[in-house]
Amino acid sequence: MKKQLQFNTIVIGSGLAGLANALRLAEQGQKVAVITKKTLAECNSFYAQGGIAAVVDVNDSMENHISDTLIAGGELCDEKTVRFIIENAPEAIKWLVSMGVNFTPDEHSSTGFHLTREGGHSFRRILHAADATGEAIITKLIQKSLSHPNIKVFENHVAIDLILGSKINKNTNKCFGVYVLNNITNKVIPIAAHNTILATGGAGKVYLYTTNPDIATGDGIAMAYRAGCNITNMEFIQFHPTCLFHPKAKSFLISEAVRGEGGILKLPNGYRFMQDHDERLELAPRDIVARAIDFEMKKHGLEYIYLDISYKSQAFIEEHFPNIYHKCKSLGIDIAHEPIPVVPAAHYTCGGIATNLFGQTNIEHLYAIGECAHTGLHGANRLASNSLLECLVIGQAAVKNILQTPHEDFLELPPWDESQVCDNDEAVVIAHNWDELRRTMWSYVGIVRTNKRLERALHRIKLLNSEIHEYYSNFKLSLDLIELRNLVCVAELIVKSAQLRKESRGLHYSKDFIGKLDYIQNTILNKKECEL
């Protein structure tokens, strides 16, 4: 019998949250497995253009950053969490620099860094590496991870479900590891661990249009929900205001920093419409800008609007936005001389698996870090460039907690049982259900919602869920099937959460409940309670 795979910690996901935690634990002597369903670089963090928010300028202050975050969050942020993460930002930046990350310098700045500004921020405080910050960070962390003797990387492996005490006849609310599918061999293996970290990112692919890569299918959130974790505020899906509109662009994001450096939103006739929606114009928080664009597109029957920074010099544009400039140029759009066609697209999942400041869930030895988690930082709307910061600060706290927590001996995990399933003979069903689910979410659970739209969405999602569950129960697993199963679970969580919120707040805007309630509350879902 093949020896069971055992690690001190399993990290599921290879974005900033996953790799940073893997490296920190490995440096402390822990044996770490990193599970990633494609390659290490195929993660949301890699595609992050803007940067990471931190107070490093003496003219700025922690209180300013805290205030900006609370305002953007629609009064739903947890202030203790906000303060903890922002006050630990400088240490997070130092760690990235120690890993070899080269942020764009500015010899004229007292900080040594070029700081840009994004919507909702009252100061320039965004450290960045040109307009490809995520790529610069992840590339360095991948190099470090691949060369570290304590890290074992499992590329092309997707987590299926967490292994709890009930799976091994233990009456305990603990996580003992995870079942993983090898995407190449289609074999399922159990991997045991003292601790498991979910760092799987968000669920942008539940929508037809998204800035996220194909891997963003809500896997960690769905697995955690099935295991019994509390899921919080899933109604708050952030739509990025400016995704490039082009048939060959495939979800290419036009960074918020373009607006931060003076980009203007215009109608086709050249009218600057943000003056009709918010006094902060293009630098209003993302929820406001996205709704304004959605309103203008519907009002005028437009497929897209324009983002114009062509009044800046070509040298300025190429220096600040080299990747955006060259990507648009390759598609026939010269942003130095013409405006950029853009549309809003699903971008960030503000809700997720409920955790404390150590990344702990309500299941022992199970942690959630980054976009799949809900710490209370983002509230009803994420402030731009706070997400990478959250990954690092909460991740560091989780590492300290893991190292201080005693662990038990490894237990023998049961093998995956596929004795009752057969080979997949109708893969077209997966493709059809995937497409229908994403179109349903886009049409009925988008930027502007109504009770009727949500009812229609939930009705169709429940039918799809039933079909997918039957398919999952009868056929052998594939990556597409696992992702579809997770997506339909997350879609239902989003809709049910939206139905529970009887107000418009932040990213959740309902025509049936205009305005905010007088009291503040989170939306919390739990599988056991939902089944009652």
Protein backbone atom coordinates (compact mmCIF):
# COMPACT_ATOMS: atom_id res chain seq x y z
CA MET A 1 0.00 0.00 0.00
CA LYS A 2 1.31 3.43 -0.97
CA LYS A 3 2.45 5.53 1.96
CA GLN A 4 0.05 8.33 2.92
CA LEU A 5 1.15 11.88 2.09
CA GLN A 6 1.60 13.88 5.30
CA PHE A 7 2.55 17.51 5.91
CA ASN A 8 2.59 19.92 8.80
CA THR A 9 0.48 22.32 6.74
CA ILE A 10 -1.42 22.13 3.46
CA VAL A 11 -1.83 25.43 1.62
CA ILE A 12 -4.55 25.33 -1.04
CA GLY A 13 -3.88 28.13 -3.51
CA SER A 14 -0.77 29.76 -4.95
CA GLY A 15 -1.59 33.47 -4.83
CA LEU A 16 0.01 35.95 -2.45
CA ALA A 17 -1.87 34.56 0.57
CA GLY A 18 -0.86 30.98 -0.22
CA LEU A 19 2.80 31.44 -1.18
CA ALA A 20 3.56 33.97 1.55
CA ASN A 21 2.22 31.60 4.21
CA ALA A 22 3.98 28.60 2.70
CA LEU A 23 7.33 30.43 2.74
CA ARG A 24 6.91 31.77 6.26
CA LEU A 25 6.00 28.33 7.62
CA ALA A 26 8.76 26.61 5.65
CA GLU A 27 11.31 29.06 7.05
CA GLN A 28 10.25 27.89 10.52
CA GLY A 29 10.96 24.25 9.65
CA GLN A 30 7.43 23.16 8.74
CA LYS A 31 6.88 20.72 5.88
CA VAL A 32 4.38 22.44 3.59
CA ALA A 33 2.33 21.24 0.62
CA VAL A 34 1.13 23.86 -1.87
CA ILE A 35 -1.88 22.66 -3.90
CA THR A 36 -2.65 24.60 -7.08
CA LYS A 37 -5.04 23.46 -9.80
CA LYS A 38 -3.06 24.91 -12.69
CA THR A 39 0.46 26.36 -12.50
CA LEU A 40 1.78 28.37 -9.56
CA ALA A 41 1.50 31.62 -11.51
CA GLU A 42 -2.16 31.08 -12.49
CA CYS A 43 -3.76 32.97 -9.62
CA ASN A 44 -5.67 36.19 -9.05
CA SER A 45 -2.68 37.85 -7.36
CA PHE A 46 -0.54 37.46 -10.48
CA TYR A 47 -2.97 39.63 -12.45
CA ALA A 48 -3.21 42.40 -9.83
CA GLN A 49 -2.10 45.57 -11.59
CA GLY A 50 -2.60 48.41 -9.13
CA GLY A 51 -0.55 47.71 -6.03
CA ILE A 52 -0.63 47.45 -2.26
CA ALA A 53 -1.87 50.18 0.06
CA ALA A 54 0.30 51.18 3.01
CA VAL A 55 1.12 54.34 4.94
CA VAL A 56 4.81 55.07 4.27
CA ASP A 57 4.68 58.82 3.59
CA VAL A 58 5.13 61.12 6.61
CA ASN A 59 2.39 63.38 5.26
CA ASP A 60 -0.08 60.49 5.42
CA SER A 61 -1.26 58.71 8.58
CA MET A 62 -2.68 55.42 9.78
CA GLU A 63 -5.84 57.25 10.84
CA ASN A 64 -6.32 58.56 7.29
CA HIS A 65 -6.00 55.07 5.82
CA ILE A 66 -8.34 53.65 8.46
CA SER A 67 -10.89 56.39 7.80
CA ASP A 68 -10.76 55.86 4.02
CA THR A 69 -11.31 52.12 4.50
CA LEU A 70 -14.26 52.61 6.85
CA ILE A 71 -15.92 55.14 4.53
CA ALA A 72 -15.53 52.90 1.48
CA GLY A 73 -16.86 49.92 3.45
CA GLY A 74 -20.31 51.43 3.92
CA GLU A 75 -20.14 51.35 7.75
CA LEU A 76 -19.92 47.56 7.71
CA CYS A 77 -16.18 47.14 8.28
CA ASP A 78 -14.95 45.72 11.56
CA GLU A 79 -12.92 48.65 12.90
CA LYS A 80 -10.69 46.43 15.06
CA THR A 81 -9.77 44.39 11.99
CA VAL A 82 -9.22 47.49 9.86
CA ARG A 83 -6.90 49.00 12.46
CA PHE A 84 -4.96 45.75 12.96
CA ILE A 85 -4.31 45.24 9.24
CA ILE A 86 -3.44 48.85 8.41
CA GLU A 87 -1.15 49.32 11.42
CA ASN A 88 0.79 46.22 10.37
CA ALA A 89 1.14 47.36 6.75
CA PRO A 90 4.71 48.74 6.99
CA GLU A 91 5.97 45.39 8.30
CA ALA A 92 4.26 43.62 5.39
CA ILE A 93 5.97 45.93 2.90
CA LYS A 94 9.35 45.28 4.52
CA TRP A 95 8.80 41.53 4.16
CA LEU A 96 8.02 41.86 0.45
CA VAL A 97 11.13 43.98 -0.08
CA SER A 98 13.17 41.34 1.78
CA MET A 99 11.80 38.77 -0.68
CA GLY A 100 13.30 40.81 -3.52
CA VAL A 101 10.18 42.62 -4.73
CA ASN A 102 11.19 45.81 -6.53
CA PHE A 103 8.52 48.47 -6.20
CA THR A 104 8.68 51.39 -8.62
CA PRO A 105 11.16 53.89 -7.15
CA ASP A 106 10.96 57.67 -6.97
CA GLU A 107 14.21 59.46 -6.23
CA HIS A 108 12.33 62.67 -5.45
CA SER A 109 10.20 61.01 -2.74
CA SER A 110 11.31 60.81 0.89
CA THR A 111 10.00 57.23 0.94
CA GLY A 112 12.11 56.13 -2.01
CA PHE A 113 8.96 54.72 -3.65
CA HIS A 114 6.62 56.11 -6.26
CA LEU A 115 3.19 56.23 -4.63
CA THR A 116 0.06 56.37 -6.74
CA ARG A 117 -3.50 57.13 -5.72
CA GLU A 118 -6.68 55.14 -6.34
CA GLY A 119 -10.40 55.68 -5.84
CA GLY A 120 -11.46 56.22 -2.22
CA HIS A 121 -7.95 57.05 -0.98
CA SER A 122 -7.36 60.55 0.39
CA PHE A 123 -3.58 60.32 -0.13
CA ARG A 124 -1.09 58.74 -2.47
CA ARG A 125 -0.23 55.51 -0.65
CA ILE A 126 -0.24 52.75 -3.27
CA LEU A 127 3.14 51.06 -3.72
CA HIS A 128 3.37 49.40 -7.10
CA ALA A 129 5.68 47.80 -9.65
CA ALA A 130 4.69 49.83 -12.73
CA ASP A 131 1.26 48.42 -13.67
CA ALA A 132 2.10 44.76 -13.01
CA THR A 133 2.51 44.64 -9.23
CA GLY A 134 0.99 41.20 -8.79
CA GLU A 135 3.26 39.67 -11.42
CA ALA A 136 6.34 41.23 -9.79
CA ILE A 137 5.39 39.87 -6.35
CA ILE A 138 4.25 36.40 -7.38
CA THR A 139 7.27 35.84 -9.65
CA LYS A 140 9.61 36.43 -6.71
CA LEU A 141 7.61 34.23 -4.33
CA ILE A 142 7.44 31.41 -6.88
CA GLN A 143 11.22 31.47 -7.23
CA LYS A 144 11.61 31.28 -3.45
CA SER A 145 9.00 28.53 -3.09
CA LEU A 146 10.38 26.26 -5.79
CA SER A 147 13.86 26.38 -4.27
CA HIS A 148 12.80 25.84 -0.66
CA PRO A 149 13.48 22.28 0.60
CA ASN A 150 10.49 22.34 2.98
CA ILE A 151 7.91 23.13 0.29
CA LYS A 152 6.37 20.48 -1.95
CA VAL A 153 4.40 21.93 -4.87
CA PHE A 154 1.49 20.02 -6.39
CA GLU A 155 0.67 21.75 -9.68
CA ASN A 156 -2.34 20.56 -11.70
CA HIS A 157 -4.01 19.29 -8.53
CA VAL A 158 -7.43 20.50 -7.38
CA ALA A 159 -8.85 20.15 -3.87
CA ILE A 160 -12.22 18.37 -3.80
CA ASP A 161 -13.35 18.37 -0.18
CA LEU A 162 -11.94 18.80 3.30
CA ILE A 163 -11.54 15.72 5.49
CA LEU A 164 -13.25 16.23 8.84
CA GLY A 165 -13.54 14.04 11.91
CA SER A 166 -16.82 12.55 10.66
CA LYS A 167 -14.94 10.99 7.71
CA ILE A 168 -12.68 9.00 10.01
CA ASN A 169 -15.18 8.10 12.72
CA LYS A 170 -14.04 10.85 15.03
CA ASN A 171 -16.64 12.92 16.84
CA THR A 172 -14.68 16.13 16.55
CA ASN A 173 -14.98 19.40 14.63
CA LYS A 174 -11.46 19.27 13.23
CA CYS A 175 -9.91 19.27 9.78
CA PHE A 176 -7.42 16.46 9.15
CA GLY A 177 -6.55 17.12 5.51
CA VAL A 178 -8.07 17.20 2.05
CA TYR A 179 -8.98 15.00 -0.91
CA VAL A 180 -7.15 16.13 -4.04
CA LEU A 181 -7.64 15.26 -7.72
CA ASN A 182 -4.59 15.00 -9.98
CA ASN A 183 -5.83 16.74 -13.14
CA ILE A 184 -3.38 14.83 -15.32
CA THR A 185 -3.96 11.25 -14.10
CA ASN A 186 -7.54 11.81 -12.80
CA LYS A 187 -6.57 9.98 -9.61
CA VAL A 188 -7.83 11.16 -6.21
CA ILE A 189 -5.49 11.09 -3.22
CA PRO A 190 -6.01 12.01 0.44
CA ILE A 191 -3.35 14.31 1.93
CA ALA A 192 -3.07 14.54 5.71
CA ALA A 193 -2.00 17.65 7.60
CA HIS A 194 -1.93 19.12 11.08
CA ASN A 195 -3.30 22.36 9.62
CA THR A 196 -4.99 23.31 6.36
CA ILE A 197 -5.01 26.83 4.89
CA LEU A 198 -7.58 27.82 2.29
CA ALA A 199 -6.06 30.53 0.08
CA THR A 200 -8.14 29.83 -3.02
CA GLY A 201 -9.13 33.38 -3.98
CA GLY A 202 -12.54 34.59 -5.04
CA ALA A 203 -15.41 33.52 -7.26
CA GLY A 204 -15.44 35.95 -10.18
CA LYS A 205 -16.11 33.18 -12.71
CA VAL A 206 -19.64 32.82 -11.33
CA TYR A 207 -20.39 35.84 -13.54
CA LEU A 208 -20.37 36.00 -17.33
CA TYR A 209 -18.03 39.01 -17.37
CA THR A 210 -15.15 39.15 -14.91
CA THR A 211 -11.62 40.46 -14.58
CA ASN A 212 -10.62 37.21 -12.86
CA PRO A 213 -8.69 34.35 -14.48
CA ASP A 214 -10.46 31.05 -15.17
CA ILE A 215 -9.32 29.53 -11.85
CA ALA A 216 -11.51 31.89 -9.75
CA THR A 217 -14.35 29.45 -9.12
CA GLY A 218 -14.94 29.89 -5.38
CA ASP A 219 -13.45 26.50 -4.48
CA GLY A 220 -12.38 27.34 -0.94
CA ILE A 221 -15.66 29.05 -0.05
CA ALA A 222 -17.70 26.10 -1.35
CA MET A 223 -15.53 23.50 0.40
CA ALA A 224 -15.67 25.42 3.66
CA TYR A 225 -19.46 25.81 3.45
CA ARG A 226 -19.96 22.08 2.80
CA ALA A 227 -17.71 21.38 5.81
CA GLY A 228 -19.82 23.58 8.10
CA CYS A 229 -17.97 26.92 8.16
CA ASN A 230 -19.84 30.16 8.60
CA ILE A 231 -19.99 32.17 5.37
CA THR A 232 -20.38 35.94 5.72
CA ASN A 233 -21.60 38.79 3.47
CA MET A 234 -21.52 36.98 0.13
CA GLU A 235 -23.92 39.54 -1.37
CA PHE A 236 -21.05 42.02 -1.67
CA ILE A 237 -19.45 41.31 -5.04
CA GLN A 238 -17.26 44.15 -6.23
CA PHE A 239 -17.55 45.00 -9.90
CA HIS A 240 -14.43 46.72 -11.20
CA PRO A 241 -15.56 49.78 -13.15
CA THR A 242 -13.05 49.43 -15.97
CA CYS A 243 -12.50 46.14 -17.77
CA LEU A 244 -11.27 46.48 -21.37
CA PHE A 245 -14.10 46.00 -23.85
CA HIS A 246 -12.70 44.02 -26.77
CA PRO A 247 -13.58 40.57 -28.16
CA LYS A 248 -9.97 39.42 -27.82
CA ALA A 249 -9.19 41.05 -24.48
CA LYS A 250 -10.39 38.13 -22.28
CA SER A 251 -11.07 39.96 -19.03
CA PHE A 252 -8.13 42.38 -19.27
CA LEU A 253 -8.30 44.87 -16.42
CA ILE A 254 -7.62 48.58 -16.86
CA SER A 255 -6.09 49.45 -13.50
CA GLU A 256 -7.75 51.90 -11.14
CA ALA A 257 -4.42 53.71 -11.15
CA VAL A 258 -5.28 55.02 -14.63
CA ARG A 259 -8.07 57.03 -12.99
CA GLY A 260 -5.75 57.77 -10.08
CA GLU A 261 -3.34 59.42 -12.49
CA GLY A 262 -6.04 61.49 -14.16
CA GLY A 263 -8.05 59.18 -16.43
CA ILE A 264 -11.50 60.60 -17.25
CA LEU A 265 -14.70 58.59 -17.84
CA LYS A 266 -16.66 59.80 -20.86
CA LEU A 267 -19.67 59.01 -22.97
CA PRO A 268 -19.11 58.52 -26.74
CA ASN A 269 -19.96 62.21 -27.26
CA GLY A 270 -17.13 63.21 -24.91
CA TYR A 271 -19.32 64.16 -21.92
CA ARG A 272 -17.67 63.61 -18.50
CA PHE A 273 -20.58 61.94 -16.72
CA MET A 274 -19.10 61.31 -13.25
CA GLN A 275 -19.82 64.95 -12.37
CA ASP A 276 -23.50 63.95 -12.34
CA HIS A 277 -22.96 61.14 -9.84
CA ASP A 278 -20.35 62.03 -7.20
CA GLU A 279 -18.29 65.06 -6.24
CA ARG A 280 -15.18 62.86 -6.11
CA LEU A 281 -15.64 62.21 -9.84
CA GLU A 282 -13.49 59.31 -11.12
CA LEU A 283 -11.88 58.88 -7.69
CA ALA A 284 -15.10 57.89 -5.95
CA PRO A 285 -15.11 54.34 -4.45
CA ARG A 286 -15.57 51.49 -6.91
CA ASP A 287 -19.19 50.72 -6.07
CA ILE A 288 -20.24 54.27 -6.90
CA VAL A 289 -18.22 54.42 -10.13
CA ALA A 290 -19.44 50.99 -11.30
CA ARG A 291 -23.10 51.93 -10.66
CA ALA A 292 -22.62 55.24 -12.47
CA ILE A 293 -21.23 53.46 -15.53
CA ASP A 294 -24.01 50.86 -15.39
CA PHE A 295 -26.60 53.67 -15.18
CA GLU A 296 -25.16 55.58 -18.14
CA MET A 297 -24.83 52.45 -20.29
CA LYS A 298 -28.47 51.48 -19.68
CA LYS A 299 -29.71 55.06 -20.07
CA HIS A 300 -28.03 55.54 -23.44
CA GLY A 301 -28.18 51.93 -24.68
CA LEU A 302 -24.38 51.58 -24.76
CA GLU A 303 -22.24 48.44 -24.78
CA TYR A 304 -19.36 50.35 -23.20
CA ILE A 305 -18.14 53.81 -22.20
CA TYR A 306 -14.69 55.40 -22.51
CA LEU A 307 -11.77 55.94 -20.12
CA ASP A 308 -9.56 58.68 -21.50
CA ILE A 309 -6.00 59.47 -20.45
CA SER A 310 -4.81 60.45 -23.92
CA TYR A 311 -4.35 64.09 -22.85
CA LYS A 312 -1.23 62.95 -20.93
CA SER A 313 2.06 62.65 -22.81
CA GLN A 314 2.97 59.35 -24.45
CA ALA A 315 6.13 59.22 -22.31
CA PHE A 316 4.03 59.53 -19.13
CA ILE A 317 1.64 56.79 -20.24
CA GLU A 318 4.38 54.36 -21.28
CA GLU A 319 6.26 54.94 -18.02
CA HIS A 320 3.28 54.52 -15.70
CA PHE A 321 1.22 51.95 -17.61
CA PRO A 322 3.58 49.98 -19.87
CA ASN A 323 1.59 46.73 -19.81
CA ILE A 324 -1.77 48.40 -20.36
CA TYR A 325 -0.30 50.52 -23.16
CA HIS A 326 1.23 47.56 -25.00
CA LYS A 327 -1.80 45.29 -24.47
CA CYS A 328 -4.18 47.91 -25.88
CA LYS A 329 -1.75 48.70 -28.72
CA SER A 330 -1.69 45.01 -29.65
CA LEU A 331 -5.48 45.19 -30.02
CA GLY A 332 -5.36 48.31 -32.17
CA ILE A 333 -6.07 50.84 -29.40
CA ASP A 334 -3.45 53.56 -28.91
CA ILE A 335 -4.30 54.92 -25.47
CA ALA A 336 -1.84 57.80 -25.90
CA HIS A 337 -4.04 59.16 -28.68
CA GLU A 338 -7.53 57.74 -28.12
CA PRO A 339 -9.82 56.72 -25.23
CA ILE A 340 -10.13 53.14 -23.96
CA PRO A 341 -13.48 51.31 -24.32
CA VAL A 342 -14.36 49.84 -20.90
CA VAL A 343 -17.20 48.06 -19.07
CA PRO A 344 -17.71 47.01 -15.42
CA ALA A 345 -16.96 43.36 -14.63
CA ALA A 346 -17.08 41.13 -11.54
CA HIS A 347 -13.78 41.65 -9.79
CA TYR A 348 -13.61 40.86 -6.07
CA THR A 349 -15.52 38.77 -3.54
CA CYS A 350 -15.79 40.92 -0.40
CA GLY A 351 -17.57 38.24 1.63
CA GLY A 352 -16.33 34.74 2.32
CA ILE A 353 -15.37 32.26 5.02
CA ALA A 354 -15.73 33.89 8.43
CA THR A 355 -12.39 34.10 10.29
CA ASN A 356 -10.83 35.91 13.21
CA LEU A 357 -7.64 38.00 13.06
CA PHE A 358 -5.56 34.80 13.02
CA GLY A 359 -7.33 33.46 9.94
CA GLN A 360 -9.04 30.76 12.04
CA THR A 361 -12.44 29.43 10.95
CA ASN A 362 -15.02 27.79 13.21
CA ILE A 363 -13.45 24.41 12.33
CA GLU A 364 -10.30 23.54 14.28
CA HIS A 365 -7.02 23.47 12.31
CA LEU A 366 -8.69 25.08 9.30
CA TYR A 367 -7.64 28.57 8.26
CA ALA A 368 -8.76 30.88 5.45
CA ILE A 369 -6.63 33.74 4.14
CA GLY A 370 -7.12 36.32 1.40
CA GLU A 371 -10.08 36.78 -0.92
CA CYS A 372 -11.82 33.54 0.08
CA ALA A 373 -11.97 34.77 3.69
CA HIS A 374 -14.09 37.38 5.47
CA THR A 375 -12.17 39.20 8.20
CA GLY A 376 -14.28 42.35 8.31
CA LEU A 377 -11.69 44.54 6.54
CA HIS A 378 -13.70 45.27 3.41
CA GLY A 379 -17.20 45.69 4.80
CA ALA A 380 -19.74 46.39 2.08
CA ASN A 381 -17.13 47.52 -0.44
CA ARG A 382 -13.36 46.92 -0.65
CA LEU A 383 -11.10 49.96 -0.76
CA ALA A 384 -8.71 49.61 -3.71
CA SER A 385 -5.36 47.88 -3.03
CA ASN A 386 -6.27 46.77 0.50
CA SER A 387 -6.61 43.13 -0.56
CA LEU A 388 -2.92 42.28 -1.01
CA LEU A 389 -2.28 43.91 2.34
CA GLU A 390 -4.90 41.72 4.02
CA CYS A 391 -3.26 38.59 2.57
CA LEU A 392 0.08 39.45 4.15
CA VAL A 393 -1.02 40.73 7.55
CA ILE A 394 -3.63 38.07 8.36
CA GLY A 395 -1.32 35.46 6.85
CA GLN A 396 1.48 36.43 9.20
CA ALA A 397 -0.90 36.26 12.17
CA ALA A 398 -2.05 32.80 11.04
CA VAL A 399 1.54 31.58 10.83
CA LYS A 400 2.24 32.71 14.39
CA ASN A 401 -0.93 30.98 15.57
CA ILE A 402 -0.09 27.73 13.78
CA LEU A 403 3.42 27.65 15.23
CA GLN A 404 2.07 28.17 18.75
CA THR A 405 -0.75 25.61 18.51
CA PRO A 406 0.02 22.02 19.57
CA HIS A 407 -0.89 19.32 17.07
CA GLU A 408 -1.88 15.68 17.29
CA ASP A 409 -0.34 12.68 15.54
CA PHE A 410 -1.33 12.05 11.94
CA LEU A 411 -4.34 9.79 11.44
CA GLU A 412 -4.80 7.29 8.63
CA LEU A 413 -7.22 8.84 6.12
CA PRO A 414 -9.70 6.73 4.18
CA PRO A 415 -9.14 6.42 0.42
CA TRP A 416 -11.49 8.15 -2.00
CA ASP A 417 -14.44 5.92 -2.86
CA GLU A 418 -15.43 5.94 -6.54
CA SER A 419 -16.81 2.40 -6.68
CA GLN A 420 -20.32 3.64 -7.51
CA VAL A 421 -19.44 5.99 -10.38
CA CYS A 422 -18.71 5.47 -14.06
CA ASP A 423 -16.83 7.31 -16.79
CA ASN A 424 -18.21 10.63 -17.93
CA ASP A 425 -20.12 10.20 -21.20
CA GLU A 426 -21.90 13.58 -21.49
CA ALA A 427 -19.35 16.31 -20.79
CA VAL A 428 -21.50 18.73 -22.81
CA VAL A 429 -23.86 18.91 -19.81
CA ILE A 430 -21.09 20.55 -17.77
CA ALA A 431 -20.44 23.17 -20.44
CA HIS A 432 -24.14 24.00 -20.82
CA ASN A 433 -24.75 24.27 -17.08
CA TRP A 434 -21.61 26.39 -16.62
CA ASP A 435 -22.78 28.85 -19.29
CA GLU A 436 -26.35 29.02 -18.01
CA LEU A 437 -25.22 29.62 -14.43
CA ARG A 438 -22.94 32.52 -15.36
CA ARG A 439 -25.55 34.16 -17.59
CA THR A 440 -28.17 33.81 -14.86
CA MET A 441 -25.92 35.50 -12.32
CA TRP A 442 -25.00 38.29 -14.72
CA SER A 443 -28.60 39.00 -15.69
CA TYR A 444 -30.25 38.77 -12.26
CA VAL A 445 -27.59 39.22 -9.55
CA GLY A 446 -25.42 41.98 -11.00
CA ILE A 447 -24.66 45.60 -10.10
CA VAL A 448 -28.36 46.52 -9.62
CA ARG A 449 -30.75 43.97 -8.08
CA THR A 450 -34.47 43.51 -7.37
CA ASN A 451 -36.44 40.97 -5.34
CA LYS A 452 -37.92 39.53 -8.53
CA ARG A 453 -34.53 39.11 -10.18
CA LEU A 454 -33.17 37.35 -7.11
CA GLU A 455 -36.19 35.00 -6.97
CA ARG A 456 -35.72 34.05 -10.61
CA ALA A 457 -32.02 33.49 -10.11
CA LEU A 458 -32.48 31.27 -7.04
CA HIS A 459 -35.14 29.17 -8.80
CA ARG A 460 -32.84 28.42 -11.72
CA ILE A 461 -29.78 27.91 -9.53
CA LYS A 462 -31.62 25.30 -7.43
CA LEU A 463 -32.53 23.38 -10.59
CA LEU A 464 -28.94 23.57 -11.80
CA ASN A 465 -27.69 22.51 -8.37
CA SER A 466 -29.91 19.43 -8.50
CA GLU A 467 -28.69 18.50 -11.99
CA ILE A 468 -25.05 19.03 -11.06
CA HIS A 469 -25.35 17.03 -7.83
CA GLU A 470 -26.86 14.11 -9.74
CA TYR A 471 -24.07 14.29 -12.29
CA TYR A 472 -21.42 14.52 -9.54
CA SER A 473 -22.88 11.44 -7.81
CA ASN A 474 -22.83 9.26 -10.90
CA PHE A 475 -19.71 10.12 -12.87
CA LYS A 476 -15.98 10.19 -12.25
CA LEU A 477 -14.50 13.52 -11.34
CA SER A 478 -12.90 16.07 -13.62
CA LEU A 479 -11.58 19.56 -12.98
CA ASP A 480 -14.54 21.10 -14.85
CA LEU A 481 -17.06 19.16 -12.78
CA ILE A 482 -15.40 20.10 -9.48
CA GLU A 483 -15.35 23.78 -10.47
CA LEU A 484 -18.98 23.72 -11.63
CA ARG A 485 -20.07 22.07 -8.38
CA ASN A 486 -18.29 24.83 -6.44
CA LEU A 487 -19.60 27.63 -8.64
CA VAL A 488 -23.24 26.66 -8.26
CA CYS A 489 -22.76 26.44 -4.48
CA VAL A 490 -21.24 29.93 -4.36
CA ALA A 491 -23.96 31.31 -6.66
CA GLU A 492 -26.63 30.10 -4.25
CA LEU A 493 -24.77 31.66 -1.33
CA ILE A 494 -24.60 35.01 -3.12
CA VAL A 495 -28.31 35.01 -3.95
CA LYS A 496 -29.46 33.87 -0.49
CA SER A 497 -27.26 36.49 1.15
CA ALA A 498 -28.64 39.18 -1.17
CA GLN A 499 -32.19 38.16 -0.29
CA LEU A 500 -31.46 38.49 3.41
CA ARG A 501 -30.20 42.07 3.11
CA LYS A 502 -33.25 44.35 3.10
CA GLU A 503 -31.38 47.54 2.25
CA SER A 504 -28.95 49.05 -0.25
CA ARG A 505 -25.45 49.26 1.17
CA GLY A 506 -22.10 49.39 -0.57
CA LEU A 507 -21.90 46.86 -3.39
CA HIS A 508 -25.41 45.52 -2.76
CA TYR A 509 -27.86 47.88 -4.47
CA SER A 510 -31.52 46.92 -4.55
CA LYS A 511 -34.27 48.88 -6.29
CA ASP A 512 -36.71 47.45 -3.74
CA PHE A 513 -34.77 48.70 -0.72
CA ILE A 514 -33.32 52.11 -1.52
CA GLY A 515 -31.19 53.46 1.31
CA LYS A 516 -29.54 51.93 4.37
CA LEU A 517 -31.11 50.49 7.49
CA ASP A 518 -30.51 52.27 10.78
CA TYR A 519 -28.69 49.27 12.22
CA ILE A 520 -25.61 47.41 11.00
CA GLN A 521 -25.51 43.66 10.62
CA ASN A 522 -23.59 40.97 8.75
CA THR A 523 -25.28 38.29 6.65
CA ILE A 524 -24.20 34.87 7.93
CA LEU A 525 -25.01 31.53 6.30
CA ASN A 526 -24.25 28.06 7.65
CA LYS A 527 -24.98 24.78 5.89
CA LYS A 528 -26.59 23.16 8.93
CA GLU A 529 -28.91 26.11 9.48
CA CYS A 530 -29.81 26.33 5.78
CA GLU A 531 -30.84 22.66 5.79
CA LEU A 532 -33.30 23.12 8.66
